[in-house]
Amino acid sequence: MAMIARFLPARWRSALLFAASSWYAGIPVWLRTAAIAMVPVFELRGAIPIAYLSWNMSIWHTYLWAVVGNMVPIPFILLFLGPFSDWLRRHSRHMDRFFAWLFARTRRKHGKAFERWRDVALCLFVAIPLPGTGAWTGALAAFVFDVPFWPALAAIFAGVLIAGVVVSVVVYVFAAIPLWLTLVSAGAMLALLAGIWAYNRREKD
């Protein structure tokens, strides 16, 4: 909301920020944190920084409610995505072709590795707090690879716990050090990753 308001005239910006703050002022901070963590793409990697840095929630409570919110939709996805996709395939030829293509492509590219390390792979996939990973996409992967409900739920929960620790530590540490040092550290990390990628590519060639 604050980013949108920056592009508005000063009078409109003040009114918009006041309306937004008034709207969620009555909502408990723990509930806001859990609600953001339920949203795909944002999940706990978005909820933890907002709750800790903007709403001054303790890091422990932030972690707890972000994990709880992130896990709320997962049992429903695991339980109902299969029946829902079956219904779509029965009623739409295009959806039937799409799901057939999705299953065949995903299992062809990742099938052997996933079958060998199924629960560990699913846990690590959820645990890495990067765009395109997380509990929602982990639940989709469990659906595509036909992982049973309880093993999938346990692996995703373990991954969410690990991801919450990683994000909490990063937010806590980087909030306590100067911005310039944060930028230097991020630049050094990117340079290191680029060097590793270039080295591996040269070895393959």
N, C-alpha and C. Protein backbone atom coordinates (compact mmCIF):
# COMPACT_ATOMS: atom_id res chain seq x y z
N MET A 1 0.82 -1.20 0.00
CA MET A 1 0.00 0.00 0.00
C MET A 1 0.86 1.26 0.00
N ALA A 2 1.92 1.24 0.82
CA ALA A 2 2.81 2.40 0.88
C ALA A 2 3.50 2.64 -0.46
N MET A 3 3.85 1.55 -1.17
CA MET A 3 4.50 1.70 -2.47
C MET A 3 3.56 2.33 -3.48
N ILE A 4 2.27 1.94 -3.44
CA ILE A 4 1.28 2.53 -4.35
C ILE A 4 1.09 4.00 -4.03
N ALA A 5 1.05 4.31 -2.72
CA ALA A 5 0.79 5.68 -2.31
C ALA A 5 1.89 6.63 -2.74
N ARG A 6 3.11 6.14 -2.92
CA ARG A 6 4.22 7.00 -3.30
C ARG A 6 4.00 7.68 -4.65
N PHE A 7 3.18 7.08 -5.52
CA PHE A 7 2.97 7.62 -6.86
C PHE A 7 1.75 8.54 -6.93
N LEU A 8 1.11 8.81 -5.78
CA LEU A 8 -0.07 9.65 -5.74
C LEU A 8 0.28 11.04 -5.22
N PRO A 9 -0.57 12.05 -5.51
CA PRO A 9 -0.37 13.38 -4.92
C PRO A 9 -0.37 13.31 -3.39
N ALA A 10 0.27 14.29 -2.76
CA ALA A 10 0.46 14.26 -1.30
C ALA A 10 -0.87 14.14 -0.56
N ARG A 11 -1.88 14.88 -0.99
CA ARG A 11 -3.17 14.85 -0.28
C ARG A 11 -3.82 13.48 -0.41
N TRP A 12 -3.80 12.92 -1.62
CA TRP A 12 -4.38 11.59 -1.82
C TRP A 12 -3.59 10.53 -1.07
N ARG A 13 -2.25 10.70 -1.06
CA ARG A 13 -1.41 9.73 -0.38
C ARG A 13 -1.71 9.67 1.12
N SER A 14 -1.87 10.84 1.73
CA SER A 14 -2.18 10.87 3.15
C SER A 14 -3.54 10.24 3.44
N ALA A 15 -4.52 10.54 2.59
CA ALA A 15 -5.86 9.97 2.80
C ALA A 15 -5.85 8.45 2.62
N LEU A 16 -5.10 7.97 1.61
CA LEU A 16 -5.05 6.53 1.36
C LEU A 16 -4.37 5.79 2.50
N LEU A 17 -3.24 6.32 2.98
CA LEU A 17 -2.53 5.67 4.08
C LEU A 17 -3.35 5.71 5.36
N PHE A 18 -4.07 6.81 5.59
CA PHE A 18 -4.92 6.89 6.79
C PHE A 18 -6.05 5.88 6.71
N ALA A 19 -6.67 5.75 5.52
CA ALA A 19 -7.76 4.78 5.37
C ALA A 19 -7.27 3.36 5.55
N ALA A 20 -6.10 3.07 4.99
CA ALA A 20 -5.55 1.71 5.12
C ALA A 20 -5.22 1.39 6.56
N SER A 21 -4.55 2.34 7.25
CA SER A 21 -4.20 2.08 8.65
C SER A 21 -5.43 1.97 9.53
N SER A 22 -6.47 2.76 9.23
CA SER A 22 -7.70 2.67 10.01
C SER A 22 -8.41 1.35 9.77
N TRP A 23 -8.29 0.83 8.53
CA TRP A 23 -8.99 -0.40 8.20
C TRP A 23 -8.42 -1.59 8.95
N TYR A 24 -7.08 -1.71 9.00
CA TYR A 24 -6.52 -2.89 9.65
C TYR A 24 -6.08 -2.63 11.08
N ALA A 25 -6.32 -1.41 11.60
CA ALA A 25 -5.90 -1.11 12.97
C ALA A 25 -6.63 -1.99 13.98
N GLY A 26 -7.88 -2.33 13.68
CA GLY A 26 -8.65 -3.15 14.61
C GLY A 26 -8.38 -4.64 14.49
N ILE A 27 -7.61 -5.05 13.50
CA ILE A 27 -7.29 -6.46 13.31
C ILE A 27 -6.03 -6.79 14.11
N PRO A 28 -6.06 -7.80 14.97
CA PRO A 28 -4.87 -8.15 15.74
C PRO A 28 -3.68 -8.42 14.82
N VAL A 29 -2.49 -8.06 15.30
CA VAL A 29 -1.29 -8.23 14.49
C VAL A 29 -1.06 -9.69 14.16
N TRP A 30 -1.32 -10.59 15.11
CA TRP A 30 -1.09 -12.02 14.84
C TRP A 30 -1.98 -12.51 13.71
N LEU A 31 -3.22 -11.97 13.64
CA LEU A 31 -4.14 -12.39 12.59
C LEU A 31 -3.71 -11.83 11.24
N ARG A 32 -3.22 -10.61 11.22
CA ARG A 32 -2.71 -10.04 9.97
C ARG A 32 -1.53 -10.87 9.46
N THR A 33 -0.64 -11.23 10.38
CA THR A 33 0.53 -12.01 9.99
C THR A 33 0.13 -13.36 9.42
N ALA A 34 -0.79 -14.05 10.09
CA ALA A 34 -1.25 -15.35 9.61
C ALA A 34 -1.96 -15.22 8.26
N ALA A 35 -2.75 -14.14 8.10
CA ALA A 35 -3.48 -13.96 6.85
C ALA A 35 -2.54 -13.74 5.67
N ILE A 36 -1.48 -12.94 5.86
CA ILE A 36 -0.51 -12.73 4.77
C ILE A 36 0.19 -14.03 4.44
N ALA A 37 0.52 -14.82 5.47
CA ALA A 37 1.23 -16.08 5.23
C ALA A 37 0.36 -17.10 4.49
N MET A 38 -0.96 -16.94 4.53
CA MET A 38 -1.85 -17.85 3.80
C MET A 38 -1.84 -17.59 2.30
N VAL A 39 -1.44 -16.40 1.90
CA VAL A 39 -1.57 -15.98 0.50
C VAL A 39 -0.44 -16.59 -0.32
N PRO A 40 -0.76 -17.24 -1.45
CA PRO A 40 0.32 -17.78 -2.30
C PRO A 40 1.22 -16.66 -2.79
N VAL A 41 2.46 -17.01 -3.09
CA VAL A 41 3.53 -16.11 -3.49
C VAL A 41 4.11 -15.39 -2.27
N PHE A 42 3.27 -14.72 -1.45
CA PHE A 42 3.78 -14.05 -0.25
C PHE A 42 4.21 -15.08 0.79
N GLU A 43 3.27 -15.89 1.25
CA GLU A 43 3.51 -16.92 2.26
C GLU A 43 4.30 -16.33 3.43
N LEU A 44 5.09 -17.16 4.13
CA LEU A 44 5.78 -16.62 5.31
C LEU A 44 6.97 -15.74 4.97
N ARG A 45 7.51 -15.89 3.76
CA ARG A 45 8.65 -15.03 3.38
C ARG A 45 8.21 -13.59 3.20
N GLY A 46 6.90 -13.35 3.03
CA GLY A 46 6.39 -11.98 3.01
C GLY A 46 5.82 -11.57 4.35
N ALA A 47 5.23 -12.52 5.07
CA ALA A 47 4.59 -12.19 6.35
C ALA A 47 5.60 -11.83 7.43
N ILE A 48 6.71 -12.55 7.51
CA ILE A 48 7.67 -12.32 8.59
C ILE A 48 8.32 -10.94 8.50
N PRO A 49 8.83 -10.51 7.36
CA PRO A 49 9.41 -9.15 7.31
C PRO A 49 8.40 -8.06 7.63
N ILE A 50 7.17 -8.20 7.13
CA ILE A 50 6.17 -7.16 7.38
C ILE A 50 5.83 -7.09 8.86
N ALA A 51 5.57 -8.25 9.48
CA ALA A 51 5.15 -8.25 10.89
C ALA A 51 6.28 -7.78 11.80
N TYR A 52 7.50 -8.19 11.52
CA TYR A 52 8.61 -7.84 12.41
C TYR A 52 9.09 -6.41 12.19
N LEU A 53 9.21 -5.98 10.94
CA LEU A 53 9.78 -4.67 10.65
C LEU A 53 8.74 -3.55 10.68
N SER A 54 7.50 -3.83 10.26
CA SER A 54 6.50 -2.78 10.17
C SER A 54 5.55 -2.74 11.36
N TRP A 55 5.25 -3.89 11.94
CA TRP A 55 4.28 -3.94 13.03
C TRP A 55 4.92 -4.21 14.39
N ASN A 56 6.24 -4.27 14.43
CA ASN A 56 6.98 -4.41 15.69
C ASN A 56 6.56 -5.63 16.50
N MET A 57 6.22 -6.69 15.82
CA MET A 57 5.91 -7.94 16.49
C MET A 57 7.21 -8.64 16.86
N SER A 58 7.24 -9.35 17.99
CA SER A 58 8.46 -10.06 18.37
C SER A 58 8.77 -11.13 17.33
N ILE A 59 10.06 -11.43 17.20
CA ILE A 59 10.46 -12.38 16.17
C ILE A 59 9.89 -13.76 16.42
N TRP A 60 9.72 -14.14 17.69
CA TRP A 60 9.19 -15.46 18.01
C TRP A 60 7.71 -15.56 17.68
N HIS A 61 6.94 -14.53 18.04
CA HIS A 61 5.51 -14.55 17.69
C HIS A 61 5.31 -14.43 16.18
N THR A 62 6.19 -13.64 15.54
CA THR A 62 6.11 -13.53 14.08
C THR A 62 6.31 -14.89 13.42
N TYR A 63 7.33 -15.60 13.88
CA TYR A 63 7.62 -16.94 13.34
C TYR A 63 6.44 -17.87 13.56
N LEU A 64 5.91 -17.89 14.77
CA LEU A 64 4.82 -18.81 15.11
C LEU A 64 3.60 -18.58 14.23
N TRP A 65 3.14 -17.34 14.14
CA TRP A 65 1.89 -17.07 13.40
C TRP A 65 2.09 -17.14 11.89
N ALA A 66 3.31 -16.87 11.42
CA ALA A 66 3.58 -17.04 10.00
C ALA A 66 3.54 -18.51 9.61
N VAL A 67 4.11 -19.37 10.44
CA VAL A 67 4.07 -20.81 10.17
C VAL A 67 2.63 -21.32 10.21
N VAL A 68 1.88 -20.91 11.23
CA VAL A 68 0.49 -21.35 11.34
C VAL A 68 -0.31 -20.91 10.11
N GLY A 69 -0.18 -19.63 9.73
CA GLY A 69 -0.92 -19.14 8.58
C GLY A 69 -0.51 -19.83 7.28
N ASN A 70 0.79 -20.08 7.12
CA ASN A 70 1.27 -20.74 5.91
C ASN A 70 0.72 -22.15 5.77
N MET A 71 0.51 -22.82 6.90
CA MET A 71 0.06 -24.22 6.85
C MET A 71 -1.45 -24.37 6.74
N VAL A 72 -2.22 -23.32 7.06
CA VAL A 72 -3.69 -23.45 7.07
C VAL A 72 -4.26 -23.96 5.74
N PRO A 73 -3.86 -23.41 4.58
CA PRO A 73 -4.48 -23.89 3.33
C PRO A 73 -3.99 -25.26 2.86
N ILE A 74 -2.84 -25.72 3.37
CA ILE A 74 -2.19 -26.88 2.77
C ILE A 74 -3.02 -28.17 2.87
N PRO A 75 -3.59 -28.52 4.02
CA PRO A 75 -4.42 -29.75 4.05
C PRO A 75 -5.56 -29.72 3.05
N PHE A 76 -6.17 -28.55 2.85
CA PHE A 76 -7.28 -28.45 1.91
C PHE A 76 -6.80 -28.62 0.47
N ILE A 77 -5.62 -28.08 0.15
CA ILE A 77 -5.07 -28.28 -1.19
C ILE A 77 -4.78 -29.75 -1.44
N LEU A 78 -4.15 -30.39 -0.46
CA LEU A 78 -3.80 -31.81 -0.62
C LEU A 78 -5.05 -32.68 -0.73
N LEU A 79 -6.10 -32.32 -0.01
CA LEU A 79 -7.32 -33.15 0.00
C LEU A 79 -8.19 -32.93 -1.23
N PHE A 80 -8.30 -31.68 -1.70
CA PHE A 80 -9.33 -31.37 -2.69
C PHE A 80 -8.80 -31.05 -4.08
N LEU A 81 -7.49 -30.87 -4.23
CA LEU A 81 -6.98 -30.55 -5.56
C LEU A 81 -7.15 -31.73 -6.51
N GLY A 82 -6.95 -32.95 -6.02
CA GLY A 82 -7.13 -34.13 -6.86
C GLY A 82 -8.56 -34.28 -7.36
N PRO A 83 -9.57 -34.30 -6.47
CA PRO A 83 -10.96 -34.39 -6.94
C PRO A 83 -11.35 -33.23 -7.85
N PHE A 84 -10.86 -32.03 -7.54
CA PHE A 84 -11.20 -30.87 -8.37
C PHE A 84 -10.61 -31.00 -9.77
N SER A 85 -9.35 -31.46 -9.86
CA SER A 85 -8.74 -31.64 -11.18
C SER A 85 -9.44 -32.76 -11.96
N ASP A 86 -9.86 -33.82 -11.26
CA ASP A 86 -10.60 -34.89 -11.93
C ASP A 86 -11.91 -34.37 -12.50
N TRP A 87 -12.58 -33.51 -11.74
CA TRP A 87 -13.84 -32.94 -12.22
C TRP A 87 -13.60 -32.07 -13.45
N LEU A 88 -12.53 -31.26 -13.42
CA LEU A 88 -12.21 -30.43 -14.58
C LEU A 88 -11.89 -31.28 -15.81
N ARG A 89 -11.17 -32.37 -15.61
CA ARG A 89 -10.79 -33.22 -16.74
C ARG A 89 -12.01 -33.92 -17.34
N ARG A 90 -12.98 -34.25 -16.51
CA ARG A 90 -14.19 -34.89 -17.04
C ARG A 90 -15.07 -33.92 -17.82
N HIS A 91 -15.00 -32.63 -17.46
CA HIS A 91 -15.91 -31.66 -18.06
C HIS A 91 -15.25 -30.76 -19.10
N SER A 92 -13.95 -30.90 -19.29
CA SER A 92 -13.28 -30.05 -20.27
C SER A 92 -12.17 -30.84 -20.95
N ARG A 93 -12.25 -30.93 -22.27
CA ARG A 93 -11.22 -31.63 -23.02
C ARG A 93 -9.89 -30.88 -22.93
N HIS A 94 -9.96 -29.55 -22.94
CA HIS A 94 -8.73 -28.75 -22.87
C HIS A 94 -8.03 -28.96 -21.52
N MET A 95 -8.80 -28.99 -20.43
CA MET A 95 -8.19 -29.22 -19.12
C MET A 95 -7.63 -30.62 -19.01
N ASP A 96 -8.29 -31.58 -19.64
CA ASP A 96 -7.77 -32.95 -19.62
C ASP A 96 -6.42 -33.01 -20.33
N ARG A 97 -6.31 -32.35 -21.47
CA ARG A 97 -5.04 -32.32 -22.18
C ARG A 97 -3.98 -31.57 -21.37
N PHE A 98 -4.39 -30.47 -20.72
CA PHE A 98 -3.43 -29.70 -19.93
C PHE A 98 -2.86 -30.53 -18.78
N PHE A 99 -3.72 -31.21 -18.02
CA PHE A 99 -3.23 -31.99 -16.89
C PHE A 99 -2.40 -33.18 -17.36
N ALA A 100 -2.80 -33.78 -18.48
CA ALA A 100 -2.00 -34.89 -19.01
C ALA A 100 -0.61 -34.40 -19.40
N TRP A 101 -0.55 -33.22 -20.05
CA TRP A 101 0.75 -32.65 -20.42
C TRP A 101 1.56 -32.30 -19.17
N LEU A 102 0.91 -31.69 -18.17
CA LEU A 102 1.61 -31.29 -16.95
C LEU A 102 2.21 -32.49 -16.22
N PHE A 103 1.40 -33.55 -16.05
CA PHE A 103 1.88 -34.73 -15.35
C PHE A 103 3.04 -35.39 -16.11
N ALA A 104 2.87 -35.53 -17.42
CA ALA A 104 3.90 -36.20 -18.21
C ALA A 104 5.20 -35.40 -18.21
N ARG A 105 5.11 -34.10 -18.39
CA ARG A 105 6.31 -33.27 -18.45
C ARG A 105 7.03 -33.23 -17.10
N THR A 106 6.28 -33.02 -16.03
CA THR A 106 6.90 -32.91 -14.71
C THR A 106 7.54 -34.21 -14.29
N ARG A 107 6.83 -35.32 -14.51
CA ARG A 107 7.40 -36.61 -14.11
C ARG A 107 8.57 -37.02 -14.98
N ARG A 108 8.58 -36.58 -16.24
CA ARG A 108 9.70 -36.91 -17.12
C ARG A 108 10.95 -36.15 -16.71
N LYS A 109 10.79 -34.90 -16.29
CA LYS A 109 11.95 -34.08 -15.95
C LYS A 109 12.48 -34.35 -14.54
N HIS A 110 11.56 -34.62 -13.60
CA HIS A 110 11.98 -34.72 -12.20
C HIS A 110 11.61 -36.05 -11.55
N GLY A 111 11.05 -36.96 -12.31
CA GLY A 111 10.47 -38.17 -11.73
C GLY A 111 11.47 -39.03 -10.97
N LYS A 112 12.63 -39.34 -11.59
CA LYS A 112 13.57 -40.27 -10.95
C LYS A 112 14.12 -39.71 -9.64
N ALA A 113 14.55 -38.44 -9.66
CA ALA A 113 15.11 -37.84 -8.45
C ALA A 113 14.04 -37.72 -7.36
N PHE A 114 12.83 -37.36 -7.77
CA PHE A 114 11.78 -37.17 -6.77
C PHE A 114 11.35 -38.49 -6.16
N GLU A 115 11.27 -39.53 -6.97
CA GLU A 115 10.88 -40.83 -6.44
C GLU A 115 11.92 -41.37 -5.47
N ARG A 116 13.21 -41.11 -5.73
CA ARG A 116 14.26 -41.62 -4.85
C ARG A 116 14.29 -40.88 -3.52
N TRP A 117 14.13 -39.55 -3.58
CA TRP A 117 14.25 -38.73 -2.37
C TRP A 117 12.92 -38.04 -2.07
N ARG A 118 11.81 -38.70 -2.25
CA ARG A 118 10.50 -38.06 -2.28
C ARG A 118 10.25 -37.10 -1.12
N ASP A 119 10.24 -37.60 0.12
CA ASP A 119 9.90 -36.75 1.26
C ASP A 119 10.96 -35.69 1.52
N VAL A 120 12.24 -36.08 1.40
CA VAL A 120 13.33 -35.11 1.61
C VAL A 120 13.30 -34.03 0.53
N ALA A 121 13.08 -34.44 -0.73
CA ALA A 121 13.03 -33.47 -1.82
C ALA A 121 11.87 -32.49 -1.63
N LEU A 122 10.73 -33.00 -1.22
CA LEU A 122 9.57 -32.13 -1.01
C LEU A 122 9.83 -31.16 0.14
N CYS A 123 10.44 -31.65 1.22
CA CYS A 123 10.77 -30.79 2.35
C CYS A 123 11.74 -29.69 1.95
N LEU A 124 12.81 -30.04 1.24
CA LEU A 124 13.80 -29.05 0.84
C LEU A 124 13.23 -28.05 -0.15
N PHE A 125 12.35 -28.52 -1.04
CA PHE A 125 11.73 -27.62 -2.00
C PHE A 125 10.92 -26.53 -1.29
N VAL A 126 10.22 -26.92 -0.23
CA VAL A 126 9.43 -25.96 0.54
C VAL A 126 10.33 -25.10 1.41
N ALA A 127 11.42 -25.67 1.91
CA ALA A 127 12.28 -24.98 2.88
C ALA A 127 13.07 -23.84 2.26
N ILE A 128 13.34 -23.88 0.95
CA ILE A 128 14.12 -22.82 0.31
C ILE A 128 13.21 -21.63 0.06
N PRO A 129 13.41 -20.52 0.78
CA PRO A 129 12.48 -19.38 0.66
C PRO A 129 12.78 -18.49 -0.55
N LEU A 130 12.55 -19.02 -1.73
CA LEU A 130 12.78 -18.28 -2.96
C LEU A 130 11.48 -18.20 -3.76
N PRO A 131 11.36 -17.23 -4.67
CA PRO A 131 10.17 -17.19 -5.53
C PRO A 131 9.99 -18.49 -6.30
N GLY A 132 8.78 -18.99 -6.34
CA GLY A 132 8.51 -20.25 -7.03
C GLY A 132 8.56 -21.46 -6.13
N THR A 133 9.01 -21.29 -4.89
CA THR A 133 8.99 -22.39 -3.93
C THR A 133 8.04 -22.02 -2.80
N GLY A 134 7.86 -22.94 -1.84
CA GLY A 134 7.00 -22.65 -0.71
C GLY A 134 5.97 -23.74 -0.51
N ALA A 135 5.09 -23.53 0.47
CA ALA A 135 4.12 -24.55 0.84
C ALA A 135 3.09 -24.78 -0.25
N TRP A 136 2.64 -23.71 -0.91
CA TRP A 136 1.64 -23.87 -1.97
C TRP A 136 2.19 -24.68 -3.13
N THR A 137 3.36 -24.32 -3.63
CA THR A 137 3.94 -25.06 -4.74
C THR A 137 4.38 -26.46 -4.30
N GLY A 138 4.75 -26.61 -3.01
CA GLY A 138 5.04 -27.94 -2.50
C GLY A 138 3.82 -28.83 -2.52
N ALA A 139 2.65 -28.27 -2.16
CA ALA A 139 1.41 -29.04 -2.22
C ALA A 139 1.07 -29.40 -3.66
N LEU A 140 1.33 -28.49 -4.59
CA LEU A 140 1.09 -28.81 -6.01
C LEU A 140 2.02 -29.92 -6.48
N ALA A 141 3.29 -29.87 -6.05
CA ALA A 141 4.23 -30.93 -6.42
C ALA A 141 3.79 -32.27 -5.84
N ALA A 142 3.31 -32.27 -4.61
CA ALA A 142 2.81 -33.51 -4.00
C ALA A 142 1.63 -34.06 -4.79
N PHE A 143 0.79 -33.18 -5.29
CA PHE A 143 -0.34 -33.60 -6.10
C PHE A 143 0.13 -34.21 -7.42
N VAL A 144 1.07 -33.54 -8.09
CA VAL A 144 1.54 -34.01 -9.39
C VAL A 144 2.22 -35.38 -9.26
N PHE A 145 3.01 -35.56 -8.19
CA PHE A 145 3.74 -36.82 -8.01
C PHE A 145 2.96 -37.84 -7.19
N ASP A 146 1.71 -37.51 -6.88
CA ASP A 146 0.81 -38.45 -6.21
C ASP A 146 1.38 -38.91 -4.86
N VAL A 147 1.90 -37.97 -4.07
CA VAL A 147 2.40 -38.28 -2.73
C VAL A 147 1.21 -38.44 -1.80
N PRO A 148 1.14 -39.49 -0.98
CA PRO A 148 0.02 -39.66 -0.05
C PRO A 148 -0.12 -38.47 0.90
N PHE A 149 -1.32 -38.30 1.43
CA PHE A 149 -1.65 -37.10 2.20
C PHE A 149 -0.72 -36.88 3.39
N TRP A 150 -0.60 -37.87 4.28
CA TRP A 150 0.15 -37.65 5.52
C TRP A 150 1.64 -37.47 5.29
N PRO A 151 2.30 -38.27 4.44
CA PRO A 151 3.71 -37.96 4.15
C PRO A 151 3.91 -36.59 3.53
N ALA A 152 3.00 -36.20 2.63
CA ALA A 152 3.12 -34.88 2.01
C ALA A 152 2.95 -33.78 3.05
N LEU A 153 1.95 -33.92 3.91
CA LEU A 153 1.70 -32.90 4.93
C LEU A 153 2.89 -32.78 5.88
N ALA A 154 3.46 -33.92 6.29
CA ALA A 154 4.61 -33.89 7.20
C ALA A 154 5.82 -33.24 6.54
N ALA A 155 6.10 -33.59 5.28
CA ALA A 155 7.25 -33.02 4.58
C ALA A 155 7.08 -31.52 4.38
N ILE A 156 5.88 -31.09 4.00
CA ILE A 156 5.63 -29.66 3.79
C ILE A 156 5.73 -28.90 5.11
N PHE A 157 5.21 -29.49 6.18
CA PHE A 157 5.28 -28.83 7.49
C PHE A 157 6.73 -28.66 7.93
N ALA A 158 7.54 -29.71 7.75
CA ALA A 158 8.96 -29.60 8.09
C ALA A 158 9.64 -28.53 7.25
N GLY A 159 9.31 -28.46 5.97
CA GLY A 159 9.88 -27.43 5.11
C GLY A 159 9.47 -26.03 5.52
N VAL A 160 8.22 -25.87 5.93
CA VAL A 160 7.74 -24.56 6.39
C VAL A 160 8.47 -24.14 7.66
N LEU A 161 8.69 -25.07 8.59
CA LEU A 161 9.43 -24.76 9.81
C LEU A 161 10.85 -24.28 9.48
N ILE A 162 11.52 -24.98 8.56
CA ILE A 162 12.88 -24.59 8.19
C ILE A 162 12.88 -23.25 7.48
N ALA A 163 11.96 -23.04 6.55
CA ALA A 163 11.89 -21.77 5.83
C ALA A 163 11.62 -20.62 6.79
N GLY A 164 10.76 -20.85 7.78
CA GLY A 164 10.48 -19.81 8.77
C GLY A 164 11.72 -19.43 9.56
N VAL A 165 12.52 -20.42 9.92
CA VAL A 165 13.77 -20.14 10.64
C VAL A 165 14.72 -19.32 9.76
N VAL A 166 14.87 -19.74 8.51
CA VAL A 166 15.78 -19.03 7.59
C VAL A 166 15.36 -17.58 7.42
N VAL A 167 14.08 -17.36 7.12
CA VAL A 167 13.59 -15.99 6.89
C VAL A 167 13.70 -15.17 8.17
N SER A 168 13.36 -15.75 9.31
CA SER A 168 13.42 -15.02 10.58
C SER A 168 14.85 -14.60 10.91
N VAL A 169 15.79 -15.51 10.73
CA VAL A 169 17.19 -15.18 11.01
C VAL A 169 17.68 -14.07 10.08
N VAL A 170 17.36 -14.18 8.80
CA VAL A 170 17.80 -13.16 7.84
C VAL A 170 17.20 -11.80 8.20
N VAL A 171 15.91 -11.77 8.47
CA VAL A 171 15.25 -10.50 8.81
C VAL A 171 15.80 -9.92 10.11
N TYR A 172 15.99 -10.77 11.10
CA TYR A 172 16.48 -10.31 12.40
C TYR A 172 17.91 -9.76 12.29
N VAL A 173 18.76 -10.47 11.58
CA VAL A 173 20.17 -10.04 11.46
C VAL A 173 20.29 -8.80 10.60
N PHE A 174 19.62 -8.80 9.44
CA PHE A 174 19.78 -7.68 8.52
C PHE A 174 19.09 -6.43 9.03
N ALA A 175 18.12 -6.57 9.93
CA ALA A 175 17.48 -5.39 10.51
C ALA A 175 18.39 -4.70 11.52
N ALA A 176 19.39 -5.41 12.04
CA ALA A 176 20.25 -4.87 13.09
C ALA A 176 21.56 -4.31 12.56
N ILE A 177 21.79 -4.40 11.25
CA ILE A 177 23.05 -3.90 10.70
C ILE A 177 22.75 -2.80 9.70
N PRO A 178 23.73 -1.93 9.42
CA PRO A 178 23.49 -0.80 8.51
C PRO A 178 23.11 -1.26 7.10
N LEU A 179 22.39 -0.38 6.40
CA LEU A 179 21.94 -0.70 5.05
C LEU A 179 23.11 -0.94 4.11
N TRP A 180 24.17 -0.13 4.23
CA TRP A 180 25.29 -0.29 3.30
C TRP A 180 25.95 -1.65 3.45
N LEU A 181 26.01 -2.15 4.70
CA LEU A 181 26.61 -3.46 4.91
C LEU A 181 25.71 -4.56 4.36
N THR A 182 24.40 -4.35 4.47
CA THR A 182 23.46 -5.30 3.88
C THR A 182 23.65 -5.38 2.37
N LEU A 183 23.77 -4.22 1.71
CA LEU A 183 23.93 -4.20 0.26
C LEU A 183 25.26 -4.83 -0.16
N VAL A 184 26.33 -4.55 0.61
CA VAL A 184 27.63 -5.14 0.30
C VAL A 184 27.58 -6.66 0.44
N SER A 185 26.93 -7.14 1.50
CA SER A 185 26.81 -8.58 1.72
C SER A 185 26.00 -9.24 0.60
N ALA A 186 24.90 -8.59 0.22
CA ALA A 186 24.08 -9.14 -0.85
C ALA A 186 24.86 -9.18 -2.16
N GLY A 187 25.63 -8.10 -2.43
CA GLY A 187 26.44 -8.09 -3.65
C GLY A 187 27.50 -9.18 -3.65
N ALA A 188 28.14 -9.39 -2.50
CA ALA A 188 29.15 -10.44 -2.41
C ALA A 188 28.54 -11.82 -2.60
N MET A 189 27.34 -12.02 -2.03
CA MET A 189 26.68 -13.31 -2.21
C MET A 189 26.31 -13.56 -3.66
N LEU A 190 25.80 -12.52 -4.34
CA LEU A 190 25.45 -12.67 -5.75
C LEU A 190 26.70 -12.95 -6.59
N ALA A 191 27.79 -12.27 -6.26
CA ALA A 191 29.03 -12.51 -7.00
C ALA A 191 29.52 -13.94 -6.78
N LEU A 192 29.41 -14.43 -5.56
CA LEU A 192 29.82 -15.81 -5.27
C LEU A 192 28.98 -16.81 -6.04
N LEU A 193 27.66 -16.60 -6.04
CA LEU A 193 26.77 -17.50 -6.78
C LEU A 193 27.06 -17.46 -8.27
N ALA A 194 27.32 -16.26 -8.80
CA ALA A 194 27.64 -16.14 -10.22
C ALA A 194 28.95 -16.86 -10.54
N GLY A 195 29.93 -16.75 -9.64
CA GLY A 195 31.20 -17.44 -9.86
C GLY A 195 31.05 -18.95 -9.85
N ILE A 196 30.23 -19.46 -8.91
CA ILE A 196 29.99 -20.90 -8.86
C ILE A 196 29.29 -21.38 -10.12
N TRP A 197 28.29 -20.61 -10.57
CA TRP A 197 27.57 -20.98 -11.78
C TRP A 197 28.50 -20.99 -12.99
N ALA A 198 29.35 -19.97 -13.11
CA ALA A 198 30.28 -19.91 -14.25
C ALA A 198 31.29 -21.04 -14.21
N TYR A 199 31.76 -21.39 -13.00
CA TYR A 199 32.72 -22.48 -12.87
C TYR A 199 32.08 -23.81 -13.28
N ASN A 200 30.86 -24.07 -12.81
CA ASN A 200 30.17 -25.31 -13.17
C ASN A 200 29.90 -25.39 -14.66
N ARG A 201 29.56 -24.25 -15.24
CA ARG A 201 29.30 -24.28 -16.69
C ARG A 201 30.57 -24.55 -17.47
N ARG A 202 31.70 -23.99 -17.02
CA ARG A 202 32.96 -24.24 -17.70
C ARG A 202 33.37 -25.70 -17.57
N GLU A 203 33.12 -26.29 -16.40
CA GLU A 203 33.44 -27.70 -16.19
C GLU A 203 32.62 -28.59 -17.12
N LYS A 204 31.34 -28.26 -17.29
CA LYS A 204 30.48 -29.04 -18.18
C LYS A 204 30.94 -28.94 -19.62
N ASP A 205 31.33 -27.71 -20.03
CA ASP A 205 31.78 -27.52 -21.42
C ASP A 205 33.08 -28.29 -21.67
